[in-house]
Amino acid sequence: MEALLGNMLQKYLGQMLLDFNAKKNSKFKFSLASGQRCVLKDLKLDPEFLSKLIPGIPFEVESGVIDQIVVHAKLHSIKTEPTLVEIGTVRIGIREASPSSHSSPPAQPGSN
């Protein structure tokens, strides 16, 4: 069951987190037998993924961190019942976009 939960988290979280591998990540150690919950802490978000969530934003995403994610799973029904996922504080570092990071229409001749 731990492997199944690990695969689910890898599928859904792996694309948005940097260096997240449910099978190899030391932050991803848990036992469903003890409380049936998994706690992941200090997860680094992929800035490129965050930028793609809201195209055309007037700033660049530099960094992102989730302080913790808690996954509550029921061992006997992990495939048939919903799994509750709590996401803690999300911090995102931004900066003003450089001119090359977003496109602007070319200037029209004689429009000054």
Foldseek 3Di string as FASTA:
>chain_A
DLVVVQVVCCVPVVVFFPPDHCVPDPQNDDDCVPQQKTKGAWTKTDQVVVCVVDDPDQKGWDTKTFGMKMWHADPVQNPPDDIDIDTHDMDIDIGGDDCVVDDDDDDDPPPD
